[in-house]
């Protein structure tokens, strides 16, 4: 139960020096892209299996049913508009936020088209 006593986020060899860096180290960027591809693959497999999906994907599925768009395009559109709501809050998105929108939406678009 020692892991429950951790008070800070551990720093790993691929960790960026600061959270909102515009140019993260190449290893950080590669680990981020690999993680997002795996997450997109997992979401696509959950959609294909019909076993249930995450809340964000449920929202995208409902939006895609209303608009007759693909889940990938729906995910991209919803994520983009949520990002626009950050403007009044004066929040700046990082590279990870932008890549999250692009990679997962593209992966869902690519993988889900096979199951239509």
PDB file of N, CA and C in Angstrom:
ATOM      1  N   UNK A   1       0.816  -1.201   0.000  1.00  0.00           N
ATOM      2  CA  UNK A   1       0.000   0.000   0.000  1.00  0.00           C
ATOM      3  C   UNK A   1       0.859   1.265   0.000  1.00  0.00           C
ATOM      4  N   UNK A   2       2.167   1.097  -0.191  1.00  0.00           N
ATOM      5  CA  UNK A   2       3.078   2.230  -0.185  1.00  0.00           C
ATOM      6  C   UNK A   2       2.777   3.216  -1.311  1.00  0.00           C
ATOM      7  N   UNK A   3       2.267   2.697  -2.437  1.00  0.00           N
ATOM      8  CA  UNK A   3       1.998   3.561  -3.578  1.00  0.00           C
ATOM      9  C   UNK A   3       0.892   4.576  -3.295  1.00  0.00           C
ATOM     10  N   UNK A   4       0.063   4.343  -2.296  1.00  0.00           N
ATOM     11  CA  UNK A   4      -0.994   5.289  -1.952  1.00  0.00           C
ATOM     12  C   UNK A   4      -0.466   6.521  -1.231  1.00  0.00           C
ATOM     13  N   UNK A   5       0.781   6.469  -0.789  1.00  0.00           N
ATOM     14  CA  UNK A   5       1.369   7.580  -0.049  1.00  0.00           C
ATOM     15  C   UNK A   5       2.175   8.525  -0.930  1.00  0.00           C
ATOM     16  N   UNK A   6       2.173   8.319  -2.238  1.00  0.00           N
ATOM     17  CA  UNK A   6       2.926   9.175  -3.156  1.00  0.00           C
ATOM     18  C   UNK A   6       2.280  10.559  -3.182  1.00  0.00           C
ATOM     19  N   UNK A   7       3.088  11.579  -2.995  1.00  0.00           N
ATOM     20  CA  UNK A   7       2.580  12.952  -2.922  1.00  0.00           C
ATOM     21  C   UNK A   7       2.855  13.770  -4.177  1.00  0.00           C
ATOM     22  N   UNK A   8       3.648  13.237  -5.100  1.00  0.00           N
ATOM     23  CA  UNK A   8       3.949  13.984  -6.324  1.00  0.00           C
ATOM     24  C   UNK A   8       3.947  13.029  -7.512  1.00  0.00           C
ATOM     25  N   UNK A   9       3.881  13.600  -8.683  1.00  0.00           N
ATOM     26  CA  UNK A   9       3.899  12.808  -9.906  1.00  0.00           C
ATOM     27  C   UNK A   9       5.344  12.408 -10.182  1.00  0.00           C
ATOM     28  N   UNK A  10       5.610  11.131 -10.393  1.00  0.00           N
ATOM     29  CA  UNK A  10       6.997  10.718 -10.644  1.00  0.00           C
ATOM     30  C   UNK A  10       7.503  11.251 -11.984  1.00  0.00           C
ATOM     31  N   UNK A  11       8.771  11.555 -12.049  1.00  0.00           N
ATOM     32  CA  UNK A  11       9.413  12.011 -13.281  1.00  0.00           C
ATOM     33  C   UNK A  11      10.120  10.825 -13.917  1.00  0.00           C
ATOM     34  N   UNK A  12       9.811  10.575 -15.166  1.00  0.00           N
ATOM     35  CA  UNK A  12      10.408   9.475 -15.895  1.00  0.00           C
ATOM     36  C   UNK A  12      11.347  10.017 -16.963  1.00  0.00           C
ATOM     37  N   UNK A  13      12.097   9.149 -17.614  1.00  0.00           N
ATOM     38  CA  UNK A  13      13.077   9.621 -18.578  1.00  0.00           C
ATOM     39  C   UNK A  13      12.434  10.296 -19.789  1.00  0.00           C
ATOM     40  N   UNK A  14      11.156  10.020 -20.047  1.00  0.00           N
ATOM     41  CA  UNK A  14      10.500  10.663 -21.171  1.00  0.00           C
ATOM     42  C   UNK A  14       9.680  11.886 -20.764  1.00  0.00           C
ATOM     43  N   UNK A  15       9.683  12.241 -19.500  1.00  0.00           N
ATOM     44  CA  UNK A  15       8.915  13.390 -19.016  1.00  0.00           C
ATOM     45  C   UNK A  15       9.477  14.689 -19.574  1.00  0.00           C
ATOM     46  N   UNK A  16       8.572  15.584 -19.955  1.00  0.00           N
ATOM     47  CA  UNK A  16       8.988  16.908 -20.421  1.00  0.00           C
ATOM     48  C   UNK A  16       9.411  17.740 -19.210  1.00  0.00           C
ATOM     49  N   UNK A  17      10.328  18.698 -19.393  1.00  0.00           N
ATOM     50  CA  UNK A  17      10.792  19.493 -18.254  1.00  0.00           C
ATOM     51  C   UNK A  17       9.709  20.356 -17.621  1.00  0.00           C
ATOM     52  N   UNK A  18       8.768  20.841 -18.426  1.00  0.00           N
ATOM     53  CA  UNK A  18       7.649  21.605 -17.883  1.00  0.00           C
ATOM     54  C   UNK A  18       6.376  21.188 -18.612  1.00  0.00           C
ATOM     55  N   UNK A  19       5.218  21.315 -17.969  1.00  0.00           N
ATOM     56  CA  UNK A  19       3.978  20.757 -18.531  1.00  0.00           C
ATOM     57  C   UNK A  19       3.529  21.363 -19.862  1.00  0.00           C
ATOM     58  N   UNK A  20       3.526  22.660 -19.997  1.00  0.00           N
ATOM     59  CA  UNK A  20       2.980  23.280 -21.207  1.00  0.00           C
ATOM     60  C   UNK A  20       4.079  23.786 -22.131  1.00  0.00           C
ATOM     61  N   UNK A  21       4.963  22.903 -22.515  1.00  0.00           N
ATOM     62  CA  UNK A  21       6.029  23.287 -23.424  1.00  0.00           C
ATOM     63  C   UNK A  21       5.565  23.151 -24.870  1.00  0.00           C
ATOM     64  N   UNK A  22       5.958  24.097 -25.700  1.00  0.00           N
ATOM     65  CA  UNK A  22       5.566  24.060 -27.111  1.00  0.00           C
ATOM     66  C   UNK A  22       6.420  23.057 -27.867  1.00  0.00           C
ATOM     67  N   UNK A  23       7.668  22.930 -27.477  1.00  0.00           N
ATOM     68  CA  UNK A  23       8.572  21.980 -28.123  1.00  0.00           C
ATOM     69  C   UNK A  23       9.076  20.977 -27.088  1.00  0.00           C
ATOM     70  N   UNK A  24       8.300  19.908 -26.850  1.00  0.00           N
ATOM     71  CA  UNK A  24       8.762  18.904 -25.880  1.00  0.00           C
ATOM     72  C   UNK A  24       9.926  18.105 -26.470  1.00  0.00           C
ATOM     73  N   UNK A  25      10.674  17.430 -25.619  1.00  0.00           N
ATOM     74  CA  UNK A  25      11.742  16.559 -26.132  1.00  0.00           C
ATOM     75  C   UNK A  25      11.156  15.485 -27.049  1.00  0.00           C
ATOM     76  N   UNK A  26      11.963  15.043 -27.995  1.00  0.00           N
ATOM     77  CA  UNK A  26      11.503  14.071 -28.986  1.00  0.00           C
ATOM     78  C   UNK A  26      10.991  12.792 -28.323  1.00  0.00           C
ATOM     79  N   UNK A  27      11.659  12.325 -27.287  1.00  0.00           N
ATOM     80  CA  UNK A  27      11.214  11.100 -26.611  1.00  0.00           C
ATOM     81  C   UNK A  27       9.851  11.301 -25.961  1.00  0.00           C
ATOM     82  N   UNK A  28       9.591  12.484 -25.418  1.00  0.00           N
ATOM     83  CA  UNK A  28       8.278  12.782 -24.824  1.00  0.00           C
ATOM     84  C   UNK A  28       7.196  12.754 -25.898  1.00  0.00           C
ATOM     85  N   UNK A  29       7.506  13.341 -27.031  1.00  0.00           N
ATOM     86  CA  UNK A  29       6.554  13.386 -28.141  1.00  0.00           C
ATOM     87  C   UNK A  29       6.265  11.983 -28.669  1.00  0.00           C
ATOM     88  N   UNK A  30       7.301  11.166 -28.783  1.00  0.00           N
ATOM     89  CA  UNK A  30       7.107   9.801 -29.277  1.00  0.00           C
ATOM     90  C   UNK A  30       6.270   8.965 -28.305  1.00  0.00           C
ATOM     91  N   UNK A  31       6.530   9.087 -27.021  1.00  0.00           N
ATOM     92  CA  UNK A  31       5.751   8.340 -26.026  1.00  0.00           C
ATOM     93  C   UNK A  31       4.290   8.811 -26.028  1.00  0.00           C
ATOM     94  N   UNK A  32       4.089  10.106 -26.203  1.00  0.00           N
ATOM     95  CA  UNK A  32       2.730  10.651 -26.283  1.00  0.00           C
ATOM     96  C   UNK A  32       1.994  10.083 -27.485  1.00  0.00           C
ATOM     97  N   UNK A  33       2.644  10.082 -28.637  1.00  0.00           N
ATOM     98  CA  UNK A  33       2.009   9.578 -29.863  1.00  0.00           C
ATOM     99  C   UNK A  33       1.700   8.085 -29.742  1.00  0.00           C
ATOM    100  N   UNK A  34       2.626   7.318 -29.184  1.00  0.00           N
ATOM    101  CA  UNK A  34       2.385   5.882 -28.996  1.00  0.00           C
ATOM    102  C   UNK A  34       1.191   5.666 -28.065  1.00  0.00           C
ATOM    103  N   UNK A  35       1.143   6.414 -26.985  1.00  0.00           N
ATOM    104  CA  UNK A  35       0.025   6.294 -26.047  1.00  0.00           C
ATOM    105  C   UNK A  35      -1.304   6.671 -26.675  1.00  0.00           C
ATOM    106  N   UNK A  36      -1.323   7.732 -27.468  1.00  0.00           N
ATOM    107  CA  UNK A  36      -2.571   8.149 -28.111  1.00  0.00           C
ATOM    108  C   UNK A  36      -3.023   7.145 -29.168  1.00  0.00           C
ATOM    109  N   UNK A  37      -2.073   6.555 -29.886  1.00  0.00           N
ATOM    110  CA  UNK A  37      -2.435   5.523 -30.868  1.00  0.00           C
ATOM    111  C   UNK A  37      -3.031   4.305 -30.159  1.00  0.00           C
ATOM    112  N   UNK A  38      -2.421   3.900 -29.060  1.00  0.00           N
ATOM    113  CA  UNK A  38      -2.967   2.764 -28.304  1.00  0.00           C
ATOM    114  C   UNK A  38      -4.346   3.081 -27.745  1.00  0.00           C
ATOM    115  N   UNK A  39      -4.537   4.308 -27.260  1.00  0.00           N
ATOM    116  CA  UNK A  39      -5.846   4.702 -26.747  1.00  0.00           C
ATOM    117  C   UNK A  39      -6.884   4.715 -27.879  1.00  0.00           C
ATOM    118  N   UNK A  40      -6.508   5.266 -29.031  1.00  0.00           N
ATOM    119  CA  UNK A  40      -7.421   5.268 -30.174  1.00  0.00           C
ATOM    120  C   UNK A  40      -7.774   3.865 -30.624  1.00  0.00           C
ATOM    121  N   UNK A  41      -6.779   2.974 -30.632  1.00  0.00           N
ATOM    122  CA  UNK A  41      -7.031   1.578 -30.988  1.00  0.00           C
ATOM    123  C   UNK A  41      -7.985   0.937 -29.991  1.00  0.00           C
ATOM    124  N   UNK A  42      -7.769   1.198 -28.708  1.00  0.00           N
ATOM    125  CA  UNK A  42      -8.659   0.652 -27.683  1.00  0.00           C
ATOM    126  C   UNK A  42     -10.088   1.143 -27.841  1.00  0.00           C
ATOM    127  N   UNK A  43     -10.253   2.422 -28.104  1.00  0.00           N
ATOM    128  CA  UNK A  43     -11.601   2.969 -28.310  1.00  0.00           C
ATOM    129  C   UNK A  43     -12.246   2.361 -29.558  1.00  0.00           C
ATOM    130  N   UNK A  44     -11.468   2.225 -30.636  1.00  0.00           N
ATOM    131  CA  UNK A  44     -12.011   1.630 -31.863  1.00  0.00           C
ATOM    132  C   UNK A  44     -12.427   0.179 -31.630  1.00  0.00           C
ATOM    133  N   UNK A  45     -11.629  -0.566 -30.871  1.00  0.00           N
ATOM    134  CA  UNK A  45     -11.981  -1.957 -30.572  1.00  0.00           C
ATOM    135  C   UNK A  45     -13.222  -2.046 -29.691  1.00  0.00           C
ATOM    136  N   UNK A  46     -13.351  -1.125 -28.740  1.00  0.00           N
ATOM    137  CA  UNK A  46     -14.557  -1.113 -27.904  1.00  0.00           C
ATOM    138  C   UNK A  46     -15.808  -0.809 -28.733  1.00  0.00           C
ATOM    139  N   UNK A  47     -15.678   0.121 -29.662  1.00  0.00           N
ATOM    140  CA  UNK A  47     -16.810   0.446 -30.541  1.00  0.00           C
ATOM    141  C   UNK A  47     -17.175  -0.760 -31.390  1.00  0.00           C
ATOM    142  N   UNK A  48     -16.148  -1.392 -31.974  1.00  0.00           N
ATOM    143  CA  UNK A  48     -16.394  -2.540 -32.854  1.00  0.00           C
ATOM    144  C   UNK A  48     -16.996  -3.716 -32.099  1.00  0.00           C
ATOM    145  N   UNK A  49     -16.594  -3.904 -30.846  1.00  0.00           N
ATOM    146  CA  UNK A  49     -17.086  -5.054 -30.088  1.00  0.00           C
ATOM    147  C   UNK A  49     -18.507  -4.850 -29.572  1.00  0.00           C
ATOM    148  N   UNK A  50     -18.896  -3.587 -29.415  1.00  0.00           N
ATOM    149  CA  UNK A  50     -20.221  -3.312 -28.872  1.00  0.00           C
ATOM    150  C   UNK A  50     -20.300  -3.563 -27.381  1.00  0.00           C
ATOM    151  N   UNK A  51     -19.156  -3.660 -26.712  1.00  0.00           N
ATOM    152  CA  UNK A  51     -19.127  -3.969 -25.284  1.00  0.00           C
ATOM    153  C   UNK A  51     -19.354  -2.746 -24.405  1.00  0.00           C
ATOM    154  N   UNK A  52     -19.317  -1.573 -24.989  1.00  0.00           N
ATOM    155  CA  UNK A  52     -19.455  -0.342 -24.223  1.00  0.00           C
ATOM    156  C   UNK A  52     -18.233   0.526 -24.439  1.00  0.00           C
ATOM    157  N   UNK A  53     -18.401   1.813 -24.312  1.00  0.00           N
ATOM    158  CA  UNK A  53     -17.313   2.745 -24.578  1.00  0.00           C
ATOM    159  C   UNK A  53     -17.220   3.789 -23.470  1.00  0.00           C
ATOM    160  N   UNK A  54     -16.198   4.625 -23.567  1.00  0.00           N
ATOM    161  CA  UNK A  54     -16.013   5.680 -22.573  1.00  0.00           C
ATOM    162  C   UNK A  54     -17.081   6.765 -22.750  1.00  0.00           C
ATOM    163  N   UNK A  55     -17.304   7.582 -21.727  1.00  0.00           N
ATOM    164  CA  UNK A  55     -18.343   8.618 -21.816  1.00  0.00           C
ATOM    165  C   UNK A  55     -18.138   9.594 -22.978  1.00  0.00           C
ATOM    166  N   UNK A  56     -16.894   9.948 -23.260  1.00  0.00           N
ATOM    167  CA  UNK A  56     -16.621  10.881 -24.361  1.00  0.00           C
ATOM    168  C   UNK A  56     -17.042  10.260 -25.701  1.00  0.00           C
ATOM    169  N   UNK A  57     -16.783   8.976 -25.866  1.00  0.00           N
ATOM    170  CA  UNK A  57     -17.147   8.288 -27.104  1.00  0.00           C
ATOM    171  C   UNK A  57     -18.652   8.077 -27.184  1.00  0.00           C
ATOM    172  N   UNK A  58     -19.318   7.893 -26.058  1.00  0.00           N
ATOM    173  CA  UNK A  58     -20.784   7.803 -26.063  1.00  0.00           C
ATOM    174  C   UNK A  58     -21.371   9.112 -26.581  1.00  0.00           C
ATOM    175  N   UNK A  59     -20.815  10.217 -26.099  1.00  0.00           N
ATOM    176  CA  UNK A  59     -21.261  11.532 -26.568  1.00  0.00           C
ATOM    177  C   UNK A  59     -21.014  11.669 -28.065  1.00  0.00           C
ATOM    178  N   UNK A  60     -19.843  11.237 -28.535  1.00  0.00           N
ATOM    179  CA  UNK A  60     -19.530  11.303 -29.963  1.00  0.00           C
ATOM    180  C   UNK A  60     -20.438  10.382 -30.782  1.00  0.00           C
ATOM    181  N   UNK A  61     -20.775   9.215 -30.225  1.00  0.00           N
ATOM    182  CA  UNK A  61     -21.696   8.308 -30.926  1.00  0.00           C
ATOM    183  C   UNK A  61     -23.079   8.941 -31.060  1.00  0.00           C
ATOM    184  N   UNK A  62     -23.557   9.528 -29.992  1.00  0.00           N
ATOM    185  CA  UNK A  62     -24.857  10.193 -30.061  1.00  0.00           C
ATOM    186  C   UNK A  62     -24.845  11.351 -31.043  1.00  0.00           C
ATOM    187  N   UNK A  63     -23.772  12.133 -31.024  1.00  0.00           N
ATOM    188  CA  UNK A  63     -23.626  13.251 -31.955  1.00  0.00           C
ATOM    189  C   UNK A  63     -23.555  12.749 -33.395  1.00  0.00           C
ATOM    190  N   UNK A  64     -22.883  11.619 -33.605  1.00  0.00           N
ATOM    191  CA  UNK A  64     -22.777  11.072 -34.960  1.00  0.00           C
ATOM    192  C   UNK A  64     -24.118  10.532 -35.460  1.00  0.00           C
ATOM    193  N   UNK A  65     -24.943  10.030 -34.548  1.00  0.00           N
ATOM    194  CA  UNK A  65     -26.279   9.565 -34.948  1.00  0.00           C
ATOM    195  C   UNK A  65     -27.157  10.737 -35.388  1.00  0.00           C
ATOM    196  N   UNK A  66     -27.025  11.874 -34.685  1.00  0.00           N
ATOM    197  CA  UNK A  66     -27.843  13.054 -35.000  1.00  0.00           C
ATOM    198  C   UNK A  66     -27.388  13.706 -36.297  1.00  0.00           C
ATOM    199  N   UNK A  67     -26.069  13.765 -36.515  1.00  0.00           N
ATOM    200  CA  UNK A  67     -25.528  14.490 -37.675  1.00  0.00           C
ATOM    201  C   UNK A  67     -25.224  13.596 -38.869  1.00  0.00           C
ATOM    202  N   UNK A  68     -25.292  12.279 -38.691  1.00  0.00           N
ATOM    203  CA  UNK A  68     -24.909  11.310 -39.728  1.00  0.00           C
ATOM    204  C   UNK A  68     -23.441  11.434 -40.121  1.00  0.00           C
ATOM    205  N   UNK A  69     -22.603  11.877 -39.191  1.00  0.00           N
ATOM    206  CA  UNK A  69     -21.155  11.928 -39.398  1.00  0.00           C
ATOM    207  C   UNK A  69     -20.547  10.672 -38.804  1.00  0.00           C
ATOM    208  N   UNK A  70     -19.290  10.434 -39.115  1.00  0.00           N
ATOM    209  CA  UNK A  70     -18.583   9.313 -38.495  1.00  0.00           C
ATOM    210  C   UNK A  70     -18.240   9.667 -37.046  1.00  0.00           C
ATOM    211  N   UNK A  71     -17.903   8.666 -36.275  1.00  0.00           N
ATOM    212  CA  UNK A  71     -17.529   8.912 -34.883  1.00  0.00           C
ATOM    213  C   UNK A  71     -16.232   9.709 -34.816  1.00  0.00           C
ATOM    214  N   UNK A  72     -15.312   9.455 -35.738  1.00  0.00           N
ATOM    215  CA  UNK A  72     -14.058  10.203 -35.757  1.00  0.00           C
ATOM    216  C   UNK A  72     -14.282  11.682 -35.992  1.00  0.00           C
ATOM    217  N   UNK A  73     -15.118  12.023 -36.971  1.00  0.00           N
ATOM    218  CA  UNK A  73     -15.414  13.429 -37.257  1.00  0.00           C
ATOM    219  C   UNK A  73     -16.195  14.064 -36.104  1.00  0.00           C
ATOM    220  N   UNK A  74     -17.095  13.308 -35.514  1.00  0.00           N
ATOM    221  CA  UNK A  74     -17.850  13.811 -34.367  1.00  0.00           C
ATOM    222  C   UNK A  74     -16.930  14.081 -33.181  1.00  0.00           C
ATOM    223  N   UNK A  75     -16.001  13.176 -32.920  1.00  0.00           N
ATOM    224  CA  UNK A  75     -15.046  13.363 -31.837  1.00  0.00           C
ATOM    225  C   UNK A  75     -14.193  14.601 -32.075  1.00  0.00           C
ATOM    226  N   UNK A  76     -13.734  14.778 -33.315  1.00  0.00           N
ATOM    227  CA  UNK A  76     -12.921  15.941 -33.651  1.00  0.00           C
ATOM    228  C   UNK A  76     -13.710  17.232 -33.451  1.00  0.00           C
ATOM    229  N   UNK A  77     -14.939  17.269 -33.935  1.00  0.00           N
ATOM    230  CA  UNK A  77     -15.764  18.479 -33.841  1.00  0.00           C
ATOM    231  C   UNK A  77     -16.061  18.834 -32.386  1.00  0.00           C
ATOM    232  N   UNK A  78     -16.455  17.857 -31.603  1.00  0.00           N
ATOM    233  CA  UNK A  78     -16.761  18.107 -30.192  1.00  0.00           C
ATOM    234  C   UNK A  78     -15.509  18.582 -29.457  1.00  0.00           C
ATOM    235  N   UNK A  79     -14.382  17.917 -29.686  1.00  0.00           N
ATOM    236  CA  UNK A  79     -13.136  18.295 -29.025  1.00  0.00           C
ATOM    237  C   UNK A  79     -12.702  19.702 -29.413  1.00  0.00           C
ATOM    238  N   UNK A  80     -12.873  20.050 -30.680  1.00  0.00           N
ATOM    239  CA  UNK A  80     -12.501  21.384 -31.148  1.00  0.00           C
ATOM    240  C   UNK A  80     -13.344  22.457 -30.452  1.00  0.00           C
ATOM    241  N   UNK A  81     -14.640  22.229 -30.359  1.00  0.00           N
ATOM    242  CA  UNK A  81     -15.498  23.231 -29.720  1.00  0.00           C
ATOM    243  C   UNK A  81     -15.265  23.314 -28.212  1.00  0.00           C
ATOM    244  N   UNK A  82     -14.955  22.194 -27.581  1.00  0.00           N
ATOM    245  CA  UNK A  82     -14.597  22.243 -26.162  1.00  0.00           C
ATOM    246  C   UNK A  82     -13.305  23.038 -25.987  1.00  0.00           C
ATOM    247  N   UNK A  83     -12.376  22.872 -26.902  1.00  0.00           N
ATOM    248  CA  UNK A  83     -11.133  23.641 -26.855  1.00  0.00           C
ATOM    249  C   UNK A  83     -11.394  25.129 -27.036  1.00  0.00           C
ATOM    250  N   UNK A  84     -12.384  25.484 -27.833  1.00  0.00           N
ATOM    251  CA  UNK A  84     -12.743  26.902 -27.996  1.00  0.00           C
ATOM    252  C   UNK A  84     -13.273  27.500 -26.690  1.00  0.00           C
ATOM    253  N   UNK A  85     -13.899  26.670 -25.866  1.00  0.00           N
ATOM    254  CA  UNK A  85     -14.390  27.158 -24.572  1.00  0.00           C
ATOM    255  C   UNK A  85     -13.249  27.480 -23.609  1.00  0.00           C
ATOM    256  N   UNK A  86     -12.044  27.046 -23.939  1.00  0.00           N
ATOM    257  CA  UNK A  86     -10.888  27.376 -23.118  1.00  0.00           C
ATOM    258  C   UNK A  86     -10.482  28.837 -23.286  1.00  0.00           C
ATOM    259  N   UNK A  87     -10.849  29.457 -24.403  1.00  0.00           N
ATOM    260  CA  UNK A  87     -10.422  30.834 -24.686  1.00  0.00           C
ATOM    261  C   UNK A  87     -10.874  31.809 -23.601  1.00  0.00           C
ATOM    262  N   UNK A  88     -12.157  31.834 -23.206  1.00  0.00           N
ATOM    263  CA  UNK A  88     -12.538  32.756 -22.137  1.00  0.00           C
ATOM    264  C   UNK A  88     -11.882  32.447 -20.798  1.00  0.00           C
ATOM    265  N   UNK A  89     -11.476  31.205 -20.599  1.00  0.00           N
ATOM    266  CA  UNK A  89     -10.819  30.817 -19.354  1.00  0.00           C
ATOM    267  C   UNK A  89      -9.324  31.144 -19.365  1.00  0.00           C
ATOM    268  N   UNK A  90      -8.858  31.618 -20.514  1.00  0.00           N
ATOM    269  CA  UNK A  90      -7.441  31.960 -20.727  1.00  0.00           C
ATOM    270  C   UNK A  90      -6.526  30.764 -20.467  1.00  0.00           C
ATOM    271  N   UNK A  91      -6.965  29.607 -20.924  1.00  0.00           N
ATOM    272  CA  UNK A  91      -6.163  28.394 -20.822  1.00  0.00           C
ATOM    273  C   UNK A  91      -5.491  28.144 -22.166  1.00  0.00           C
ATOM    274  N   UNK A  92      -4.231  27.841 -22.141  1.00  0.00           N
ATOM    275  CA  UNK A  92      -3.528  27.542 -23.384  1.00  0.00           C
ATOM    276  C   UNK A  92      -3.351  26.035 -23.511  1.00  0.00           C
ATOM    277  N   UNK A  93      -3.767  25.479 -24.633  1.00  0.00           N
ATOM    278  CA  UNK A  93      -3.596  24.037 -24.819  1.00  0.00           C
ATOM    279  C   UNK A  93      -2.138  23.710 -25.119  1.00  0.00           C
ATOM    280  N   UNK A  94      -1.717  22.564 -24.672  1.00  0.00           N
ATOM    281  CA  UNK A  94      -0.369  22.096 -24.964  1.00  0.00           C
ATOM    282  C   UNK A  94      -0.361  21.243 -26.219  1.00  0.00           C
ATOM    283  N   UNK A  95       0.810  20.783 -26.557  1.00  0.00           N
ATOM    284  CA  UNK A  95       0.970  19.921 -27.727  1.00  0.00           C
ATOM    285  C   UNK A  95       0.168  18.635 -27.532  1.00  0.00           C
ATOM    286  N   UNK A  96       0.152  18.118 -26.314  1.00  0.00           N
ATOM    287  CA  UNK A  96      -0.581  16.885 -26.033  1.00  0.00           C
ATOM    288  C   UNK A  96      -2.075  17.021 -26.260  1.00  0.00           C
ATOM    289  N   UNK A  97      -2.634  18.169 -25.915  1.00  0.00           N
ATOM    290  CA  UNK A  97      -4.065  18.402 -26.105  1.00  0.00           C
ATOM    291  C   UNK A  97      -4.409  18.426 -27.595  1.00  0.00           C
ATOM    292  N   UNK A  98      -3.601  19.120 -28.363  1.00  0.00           N
ATOM    293  CA  UNK A  98      -3.841  19.208 -29.809  1.00  0.00           C
ATOM    294  C   UNK A  98      -3.665  17.842 -30.466  1.00  0.00           C
ATOM    295  N   UNK A  99      -2.588  17.135 -30.116  1.00  0.00           N
ATOM    296  CA  UNK A  99      -2.371  15.809 -30.689  1.00  0.00           C
ATOM    297  C   UNK A  99      -3.451  14.823 -30.263  1.00  0.00           C
ATOM    298  N   UNK A 100      -3.969  14.971 -29.060  1.00  0.00           N
ATOM    299  CA  UNK A 100      -5.068  14.127 -28.588  1.00  0.00           C
ATOM    300  C   UNK A 100      -6.261  14.254 -29.526  1.00  0.00           C
ATOM    301  N   UNK A 101      -6.622  15.473 -29.839  1.00  0.00           N
ATOM    302  CA  UNK A 101      -7.757  15.703 -30.730  1.00  0.00           C
ATOM    303  C   UNK A 101      -7.502  15.083 -32.104  1.00  0.00           C
ATOM    304  N   UNK A 102      -6.336  15.344 -32.661  1.00  0.00           N
ATOM    305  CA  UNK A 102      -6.042  14.919 -34.036  1.00  0.00           C
ATOM    306  C   UNK A 102      -5.865  13.408 -34.139  1.00  0.00           C
ATOM    307  N   UNK A 103      -5.020  12.830 -33.300  1.00  0.00           N
ATOM    308  CA  UNK A 103      -4.692  11.406 -33.449  1.00  0.00           C
ATOM    309  C   UNK A 103      -5.870  10.509 -33.123  1.00  0.00           C
ATOM    310  N   UNK A 104      -6.548  10.749 -32.017  1.00  0.00           N
ATOM    311  CA  UNK A 104      -7.651   9.865 -31.649  1.00  0.00           C
ATOM    312  C   UNK A 104      -8.804   9.999 -32.641  1.00  0.00           C
ATOM    313  N   UNK A 105      -9.109  11.213 -33.069  1.00  0.00           N
ATOM    314  CA  UNK A 105     -10.177  11.397 -34.055  1.00  0.00           C
ATOM    315  C   UNK A 105      -9.830  10.713 -35.372  1.00  0.00           C
ATOM    316  N   UNK A 106      -8.588  10.874 -35.816  1.00  0.00           N
ATOM    317  CA  UNK A 106      -8.169  10.239 -37.072  1.00  0.00           C
ATOM    318  C   UNK A 106      -8.183   8.720 -36.948  1.00  0.00           C
ATOM    319  N   UNK A 107      -7.757   8.219 -35.817  1.00  0.00           N
ATOM    320  CA  UNK A 107      -7.732   6.772 -35.625  1.00  0.00           C
ATOM    321  C   UNK A 107      -9.141   6.208 -35.565  1.00  0.00           C
ATOM    322  N   UNK A 108     -10.042   6.890 -34.872  1.00  0.00           N
ATOM    323  CA  UNK A 108     -11.440   6.419 -34.833  1.00  0.00           C
ATOM    324  C   UNK A 108     -12.072   6.499 -36.209  1.00  0.00           C
ATOM    325  N   UNK A 109     -11.759   7.535 -36.947  1.00  0.00           N
ATOM    326  CA  UNK A 109     -12.294   7.657 -38.306  1.00  0.00           C
ATOM    327  C   UNK A 109     -11.809   6.526 -39.172  1.00  0.00           C
ATOM    328  N   UNK A 110     -10.514   6.244 -39.110  1.00  0.00           N
ATOM    329  CA  UNK A 110      -9.928   5.199 -39.947  1.00  0.00           C
ATOM    330  C   UNK A 110     -10.439   3.821 -39.561  1.00  0.00           C
ATOM    331  N   UNK A 111     -10.423   3.497 -38.280  1.00  0.00           N
ATOM    332  CA  UNK A 111     -10.793   2.155 -37.835  1.00  0.00           C
ATOM    333  C   UNK A 111     -12.295   1.915 -37.897  1.00  0.00           C
ATOM    334  N   UNK A 112     -13.078   2.929 -37.600  1.00  0.00           N
ATOM    335  CA  UNK A 112     -14.519   2.725 -37.529  1.00  0.00           C
ATOM    336  C   UNK A 112     -15.146   2.597 -38.901  1.00  0.00           C
ATOM    337  N   UNK A 113     -14.523   3.152 -39.935  1.00  0.00           N
ATOM    338  CA  UNK A 113     -15.102   3.072 -41.272  1.00  0.00           C
ATOM    339  C   UNK A 113     -15.233   1.629 -41.755  1.00  0.00           C
ATOM    340  N   UNK A 114     -14.390   0.742 -41.252  1.00  0.00           N
ATOM    341  CA  UNK A 114     -14.456  -0.676 -41.638  1.00  0.00           C
ATOM    342  C   UNK A 114     -15.734  -1.343 -41.136  1.00  0.00           C
ATOM    343  N   UNK A 115     -16.334  -0.807 -40.072  1.00  0.00           N
ATOM    344  CA  UNK A 115     -17.469  -1.475 -39.427  1.00  0.00           C
ATOM    345  C   UNK A 115     -18.810  -0.861 -39.777  1.00  0.00           C
ATOM    346  N   UNK A 116     -18.833   0.100 -40.691  1.00  0.00           N
ATOM    347  CA  UNK A 116     -20.113   0.715 -41.075  1.00  0.00           C
ATOM    348  C   UNK A 116     -20.922  -0.184 -41.969  1.00  0.00           C
TER     349      UNK A 116
END
